[in-house]
Amino acid sequence: MDVAVNQPLSNGNMNSSALIFLGTGCSSAVPNAMCLIQPSDPPCHVCHQSLSLPPERNPNYRCNTSLLIDYSPTGEEHKYILIDVGKTFREQVLRWFTYHKIPQVDSIVLTHEHADAVLGLDDIRAVQPFSPVNDIEPTPIFLNQHAMDSLQVKFPYLVQKKLKAGQEVRRVAQLDWKVIENDCKSSFVASGLEIVPLPVMHGEDYVCLGFSFGKNTKVAYISDISRFIEETELYISKKEGNQLDLLILDTLYKNNSHNTHFCFPQTLEAIKRLQPKRAYLIGMTHEFDHHRDNEFLQDWSKREGIPVQLAHDGLRIPIHL
């Protein structure tokens, strides 16, 4: 299905690290519920087909965008770094943590505070050790100040440090909140992996973060973008001597435009401009049919000399980070 790009990413000796795509769909996910409860005539092929196969053989079933970094620099101990915890997080755990035998989450990194990136935070308790009195080590969670301010309102019980007088203990996810900068020059370390924030515009009134990581294989993950900020583009551009080994990039609609997301033409234009060695696309609506559109991308990749494919939920890529 994805022969051209499903090879391990390595610039030397391989280790046991990997990238696992927990979700590759838009905020409303795929199938689109309206296509099922009010079907068109003929029915939407992608949405109806996406319910007809088991998840490991079902690339048109897409949960909210989320990436799990399985980081194992020595090939022995593994640390699991989760980028975004959206509305479909519990489903992603049931589908892909079990399938790939992921035992826990060691760190969380948030791109922004929209629903498809954060509304699964309550379910983090399901992947933490059980304690009726919350006597466990909190999971570090990295986010910018705007997201922190918003989540204090959305999830006050997850942010609260101490119980108020007379307040009863309730079992909730234990999180250690760490504010990071919207700045390519201000890296941070999550579970031993150095990560660089990549601020981008997600609509002209909103800064969202992508992330770059990997010393041996340079990766950039940008799930929500409508326009590159110049500093960020320079940081990941081949023209500036900063060629990426892998770019994971937003593409919402196939044929239309959108005010807060890249769509297919913009995504491909950005890839041509940045010149990564390889790219995967994420954030797709039901306009995209995985098999048909990857056939188009195979031809595009040959013409442009950059292997590009749609990612799919459950995809695991071995990588030397």
Protein backbone atom coordinates (compact mmCIF):
# COMPACT_ATOMS: atom_id res chain seq x y z
CA MET A 1 0.00 0.00 0.00
CA ASP A 2 2.74 2.50 1.02
CA VAL A 3 5.78 0.63 -0.29
CA ALA A 4 7.74 3.71 -1.32
CA VAL A 5 7.70 5.35 2.08
CA ASN A 6 7.24 2.55 4.59
CA GLN A 7 10.95 1.81 4.82
CA PRO A 8 12.73 2.44 8.16
CA LEU A 9 14.12 5.96 8.55
CA SER A 10 17.77 5.69 9.49
CA ASN A 11 20.99 7.63 8.96
CA GLY A 12 23.18 4.94 10.48
CA ASN A 13 22.78 2.02 12.82
CA MET A 14 19.15 1.31 13.61
CA ASN A 15 17.78 1.36 17.13
CA SER A 16 14.34 0.45 18.44
CA SER A 17 12.66 3.86 18.25
CA ALA A 18 9.52 4.30 16.16
CA LEU A 19 6.77 6.74 15.22
CA ILE A 20 3.21 5.48 15.58
CA PHE A 21 0.35 7.41 13.97
CA LEU A 22 -2.50 7.11 16.46
CA GLY A 23 -4.74 9.38 14.40
CA THR A 24 -4.57 10.95 10.94
CA GLY A 25 -8.01 12.53 10.58
CA CYS A 26 -9.63 15.93 10.97
CA SER A 27 -11.41 17.23 14.08
CA SER A 28 -14.72 15.53 13.17
CA ALA A 29 -12.79 12.32 12.28
CA VAL A 30 -13.65 9.81 9.55
CA PRO A 31 -16.23 8.43 8.94
CA ASN A 32 -18.17 11.67 8.98
CA ALA A 33 -21.23 10.98 11.14
CA MET A 34 -23.56 12.90 8.81
CA CYS A 35 -22.64 10.59 5.92
CA LEU A 36 -23.97 7.68 7.98
CA ILE A 37 -27.08 9.16 9.58
CA GLN A 38 -28.18 11.11 6.48
CA PRO A 39 -26.55 9.19 3.61
CA SER A 40 -26.34 10.76 0.19
CA ASP A 41 -27.36 9.01 -3.02
CA PRO A 42 -25.02 7.39 -3.89
CA PRO A 43 -23.53 7.02 -0.37
CA CYS A 44 -20.14 8.50 0.52
CA HIS A 45 -17.75 5.72 -0.48
CA VAL A 46 -15.03 6.59 2.02
CA CYS A 47 -17.32 6.85 5.05
CA HIS A 48 -19.22 3.66 4.34
CA GLN A 49 -16.10 1.69 3.44
CA SER A 50 -14.33 2.90 6.58
CA LEU A 51 -16.72 0.88 8.77
CA SER A 52 -16.47 -2.33 6.75
CA LEU A 53 -12.98 -3.54 7.71
CA PRO A 54 -11.03 -4.16 10.94
CA PRO A 55 -8.80 -1.20 11.92
CA GLU A 56 -5.48 -2.80 10.95
CA ARG A 57 -6.78 -3.13 7.36
CA ASN A 58 -8.82 0.05 7.31
CA PRO A 59 -6.80 3.16 6.29
CA ASN A 60 -9.91 5.27 5.65
CA TYR A 61 -10.95 5.15 9.34
CA ARG A 62 -9.28 8.20 10.88
CA CYS A 63 -9.24 9.41 14.48
CA ASN A 64 -8.07 12.89 15.54
CA THR A 65 -4.47 13.65 14.64
CA SER A 66 -2.02 12.30 17.19
CA LEU A 67 1.50 10.89 17.08
CA LEU A 68 3.18 8.58 19.59
CA ILE A 69 6.98 8.67 19.70
CA ASP A 70 8.39 5.37 20.95
CA TYR A 71 11.82 6.66 22.02
CA SER A 72 14.52 4.08 22.73
CA PRO A 73 17.99 5.55 22.18
CA THR A 74 19.78 2.45 23.52
CA GLY A 75 17.37 -0.17 22.20
CA GLU A 76 16.56 -1.26 25.73
CA GLU A 77 14.37 1.11 27.77
CA HIS A 78 11.42 2.67 25.91
CA LYS A 79 9.82 6.05 26.64
CA TYR A 80 6.47 6.92 25.07
CA ILE A 81 5.88 10.58 24.17
CA LEU A 82 2.35 11.47 23.07
CA ILE A 83 1.64 14.47 20.83
CA ASP A 84 -1.97 15.60 21.41
CA VAL A 85 -4.81 13.91 23.28
CA GLY A 86 -7.95 14.57 21.26
CA LYS A 87 -11.60 13.58 21.43
CA THR A 88 -10.83 10.08 20.13
CA PHE A 89 -7.97 9.26 22.54
CA ARG A 90 -9.72 6.39 24.34
CA GLU A 91 -10.52 4.76 21.01
CA GLN A 92 -6.91 5.18 19.92
CA VAL A 93 -5.73 3.45 23.10
CA LEU A 94 -8.11 0.53 22.52
CA ARG A 95 -7.11 0.22 18.86
CA TRP A 96 -3.41 1.00 18.76
CA PHE A 97 -1.90 0.79 22.25
CA THR A 98 -3.13 -2.80 22.37
CA TYR A 99 -2.10 -3.54 18.76
CA HIS A 100 1.43 -2.15 19.19
CA LYS A 101 1.75 -3.23 22.85
CA ILE A 102 2.21 0.29 24.25
CA PRO A 103 2.19 -0.04 28.07
CA GLN A 104 2.05 3.61 29.20
CA VAL A 105 2.50 7.29 28.35
CA ASP A 106 5.64 8.91 29.79
CA SER A 107 5.22 12.48 28.51
CA ILE A 108 2.57 14.52 26.68
CA VAL A 109 3.19 17.38 24.24
CA LEU A 110 0.32 19.61 23.06
CA THR A 111 0.21 21.51 19.78
CA HIS A 112 -2.66 23.75 20.94
CA GLU A 113 -5.83 23.71 23.06
CA HIS A 114 -8.54 23.01 20.50
CA ALA A 115 -10.96 20.16 21.16
CA ASP A 116 -9.31 17.69 18.77
CA ALA A 117 -6.01 18.12 20.61
CA VAL A 118 -7.03 18.13 24.29
CA LEU A 119 -10.50 16.73 25.03
CA GLY A 120 -9.10 13.27 25.77
CA LEU A 121 -6.98 14.52 28.67
CA ASP A 122 -9.41 13.13 31.25
CA ASP A 123 -8.75 9.63 29.83
CA ILE A 124 -5.03 9.86 30.58
CA ARG A 125 -5.91 8.31 33.94
CA ALA A 126 -6.68 5.09 32.03
CA VAL A 127 -3.01 4.77 31.04
CA GLN A 128 -1.66 5.71 34.48
CA PRO A 129 -1.18 3.39 37.47
CA PHE A 130 -4.32 3.01 39.58
CA SER A 131 -4.42 4.91 42.87
CA PRO A 132 -7.73 5.79 44.57
CA VAL A 133 -6.00 8.74 46.28
CA ASN A 134 -3.94 9.85 43.24
CA ASP A 135 -0.67 8.90 44.90
CA ILE A 136 1.24 8.43 41.64
CA GLU A 137 4.00 10.22 39.76
CA PRO A 138 2.32 12.84 37.51
CA THR A 139 2.88 12.69 33.75
CA PRO A 140 4.78 15.73 32.41
CA ILE A 141 2.71 17.70 29.90
CA PHE A 142 4.30 20.42 27.75
CA LEU A 143 2.20 23.27 26.28
CA ASN A 144 2.39 26.98 25.53
CA GLN A 145 0.97 29.68 27.79
CA HIS A 146 -2.17 30.23 25.72
CA ALA A 147 -3.04 26.54 25.97
CA MET A 148 -2.26 26.57 29.69
CA ASP A 149 -4.63 29.48 30.29
CA SER A 150 -7.38 27.74 28.33
CA LEU A 151 -6.98 24.35 30.01
CA GLN A 152 -7.16 25.90 33.47
CA VAL A 153 -10.73 26.77 32.50
CA LYS A 154 -11.57 23.59 30.56
CA PHE A 155 -10.07 21.16 33.10
CA PRO A 156 -9.67 22.94 36.45
CA TYR A 157 -9.60 19.60 38.31
CA LEU A 158 -6.61 18.46 36.24
CA VAL A 159 -4.66 21.66 36.85
CA GLN A 160 -5.47 22.11 40.56
CA LYS A 161 -2.40 21.54 42.75
CA LYS A 162 -4.03 21.09 46.16
CA LEU A 163 -7.49 20.21 47.39
CA LYS A 164 -9.55 23.01 48.90
CA ALA A 165 -10.77 22.66 52.48
CA GLY A 166 -13.47 20.01 52.65
CA GLN A 167 -12.95 18.90 49.05
CA GLU A 168 -13.11 15.14 48.58
CA VAL A 169 -10.37 13.20 46.78
CA ARG A 170 -11.48 11.97 43.37
CA ARG A 171 -9.42 9.84 41.05
CA VAL A 172 -8.31 12.00 38.10
CA ALA A 173 -5.37 12.06 35.72
CA GLN A 174 -2.21 13.33 37.39
CA LEU A 175 -0.36 15.83 35.21
CA ASP A 176 2.74 17.98 35.74
CA TRP A 177 2.12 21.11 33.65
CA LYS A 178 5.20 22.62 31.96
CA VAL A 179 4.88 25.82 29.91
CA ILE A 180 7.08 26.06 26.81
CA GLU A 181 7.83 28.95 24.46
CA ASN A 182 6.48 29.62 20.94
CA ASP A 183 10.08 29.81 19.73
CA CYS A 184 12.33 27.63 17.55
CA LYS A 185 15.25 28.74 19.72
CA SER A 186 13.72 27.40 22.97
CA SER A 187 13.93 23.61 22.93
CA PHE A 188 12.73 21.41 25.78
CA VAL A 189 13.30 17.79 26.80
CA ALA A 190 10.46 15.29 27.15
CA SER A 191 11.41 11.85 28.50
CA GLY A 192 14.98 12.32 27.33
CA LEU A 193 14.12 13.51 23.80
CA GLU A 194 15.00 17.08 22.84
CA ILE A 195 12.07 18.75 21.06
CA VAL A 196 11.98 22.13 19.32
CA PRO A 197 8.70 24.11 19.12
CA LEU A 198 7.73 25.17 15.59
CA PRO A 199 5.22 28.05 15.81
CA VAL A 200 2.90 28.32 12.78
CA MET A 201 -0.31 30.18 12.03
CA HIS A 202 -3.56 28.21 12.45
CA GLY A 203 -5.74 31.00 11.06
CA GLU A 204 -4.42 34.55 11.12
CA ASP A 205 -5.46 35.12 14.75
CA TYR A 206 -3.94 32.00 16.30
CA VAL A 207 -0.45 30.56 16.78
CA CYS A 208 -0.25 26.76 16.96
CA LEU A 209 2.84 24.65 17.59
CA GLY A 210 4.42 22.00 15.46
CA PHE A 211 7.48 20.17 16.73
CA SER A 212 10.89 19.11 15.44
CA PHE A 213 12.93 16.32 17.01
CA GLY A 214 15.63 13.75 16.27
CA LYS A 215 19.42 14.17 16.14
CA ASN A 216 20.10 11.26 13.77
CA THR A 217 16.90 11.57 11.76
CA LYS A 218 15.37 15.06 11.71
CA VAL A 219 11.57 15.00 11.90
CA ALA A 220 9.02 17.82 11.86
CA TYR A 221 5.39 17.27 12.88
CA ILE A 222 2.94 20.04 11.91
CA SER A 223 -0.70 19.02 12.32
CA ASP A 224 -2.56 22.38 12.22
CA ILE A 225 -1.31 25.10 9.89
CA SER A 226 -2.67 27.72 7.52
CA ARG A 227 0.60 29.64 7.02
CA PHE A 228 4.26 29.24 7.89
CA ILE A 229 5.96 31.84 10.05
CA GLU A 230 9.21 32.80 8.31
CA GLU A 231 11.47 31.73 11.19
CA THR A 232 9.85 28.30 11.32
CA GLU A 233 10.08 27.77 7.57
CA LEU A 234 13.77 28.66 7.60
CA TYR A 235 14.36 26.21 10.45
CA ILE A 236 13.11 23.23 8.39
CA SER A 237 14.01 24.28 4.84
CA LYS A 238 16.56 22.50 2.65
CA LYS A 239 17.32 25.84 1.01
CA GLU A 240 18.65 27.07 4.36
CA GLY A 241 20.69 23.90 4.92
CA ASN A 242 18.13 22.41 7.33
CA GLN A 243 16.67 19.59 5.24
CA LEU A 244 14.25 17.32 7.07
CA ASP A 245 14.48 13.57 6.83
CA LEU A 246 10.73 13.39 7.44
CA LEU A 247 7.97 16.01 7.33
CA ILE A 248 4.53 15.15 8.71
CA LEU A 249 2.13 17.82 7.49
CA ASP A 250 -1.51 18.93 7.64
CA THR A 251 -3.84 18.57 4.63
CA LEU A 252 -7.55 19.05 5.37
CA TYR A 253 -9.49 19.15 2.08
CA LYS A 254 -8.51 17.70 -1.27
CA ASN A 255 -10.21 20.19 -3.58
CA ASN A 256 -11.13 23.24 -1.50
CA SER A 257 -9.37 25.88 0.59
CA HIS A 258 -9.74 26.58 4.31
CA ASN A 259 -8.94 29.57 6.49
CA THR A 260 -7.22 27.62 9.29
CA HIS A 261 -5.67 24.58 7.59
CA PHE A 262 -3.50 23.67 4.65
CA CYS A 263 -5.40 21.82 1.96
CA PHE A 264 -3.94 19.46 -0.62
CA PRO A 265 -2.59 22.03 -3.13
CA GLN A 266 -1.01 24.16 -0.38
CA THR A 267 0.46 21.10 1.32
CA LEU A 268 2.13 19.86 -1.85
CA GLU A 269 3.40 23.36 -2.63
CA ALA A 270 4.92 23.61 0.86
CA ILE A 271 6.61 20.23 0.43
CA LYS A 272 8.12 21.35 -2.88
CA ARG A 273 9.37 24.53 -1.19
CA LEU A 274 10.81 22.84 1.93
CA GLN A 275 12.26 19.82 0.07
CA PRO A 276 12.20 17.20 2.86
CA LYS A 277 13.59 13.78 2.00
CA ARG A 278 10.19 12.24 2.68
CA ALA A 279 6.71 13.35 3.80
CA TYR A 280 3.52 11.92 5.26
CA LEU A 281 0.20 13.77 5.21
CA ILE A 282 -2.28 13.88 8.10
CA GLY A 283 -5.50 15.64 9.13
CA MET A 284 -7.57 14.41 6.18
CA THR A 285 -11.36 14.64 5.84
CA HIS A 286 -13.51 12.05 4.07
CA GLU A 287 -12.67 13.71 0.75
CA PHE A 288 -9.51 11.59 0.71
CA ASP A 289 -9.61 7.94 -0.30
CA HIS A 290 -6.41 6.37 1.01
CA HIS A 291 -5.73 3.98 -1.86
CA ARG A 292 -6.81 6.18 -4.76
CA ASP A 293 -5.06 9.32 -3.51
CA ASN A 294 -1.87 7.47 -2.66
CA GLU A 295 -1.77 6.26 -6.26
CA PHE A 296 -1.89 9.92 -7.33
CA LEU A 297 0.86 10.73 -4.83
CA GLN A 298 3.08 7.95 -6.16
CA ASP A 299 3.07 9.64 -9.56
CA TRP A 300 3.57 13.07 -7.97
CA SER A 301 6.48 11.72 -5.92
CA LYS A 302 8.22 10.38 -9.02
CA ARG A 303 7.86 13.71 -10.80
CA GLU A 304 9.06 15.82 -7.87
CA GLY A 305 11.66 13.43 -6.44
CA ILE A 306 10.14 13.53 -2.93
CA PRO A 307 8.32 10.42 -1.65
CA VAL A 308 4.95 11.59 -0.25
CA GLN A 309 2.03 9.49 0.97
CA LEU A 310 -1.10 9.82 3.10
CA ALA A 311 -0.43 8.35 6.53
CA HIS A 312 -3.03 6.11 8.16
CA ASP A 313 -4.07 5.30 11.71
CA GLY A 314 -1.91 2.58 13.24
CA LEU A 315 1.03 3.15 10.88
CA ARG A 316 4.34 2.39 12.66
CA ILE A 317 7.63 3.63 11.23
CA PRO A 318 10.93 2.41 12.74
CA ILE A 319 13.28 5.38 13.04
CA HIS A 320 16.77 6.18 14.32
CA LEU A 321 16.24 9.24 16.52
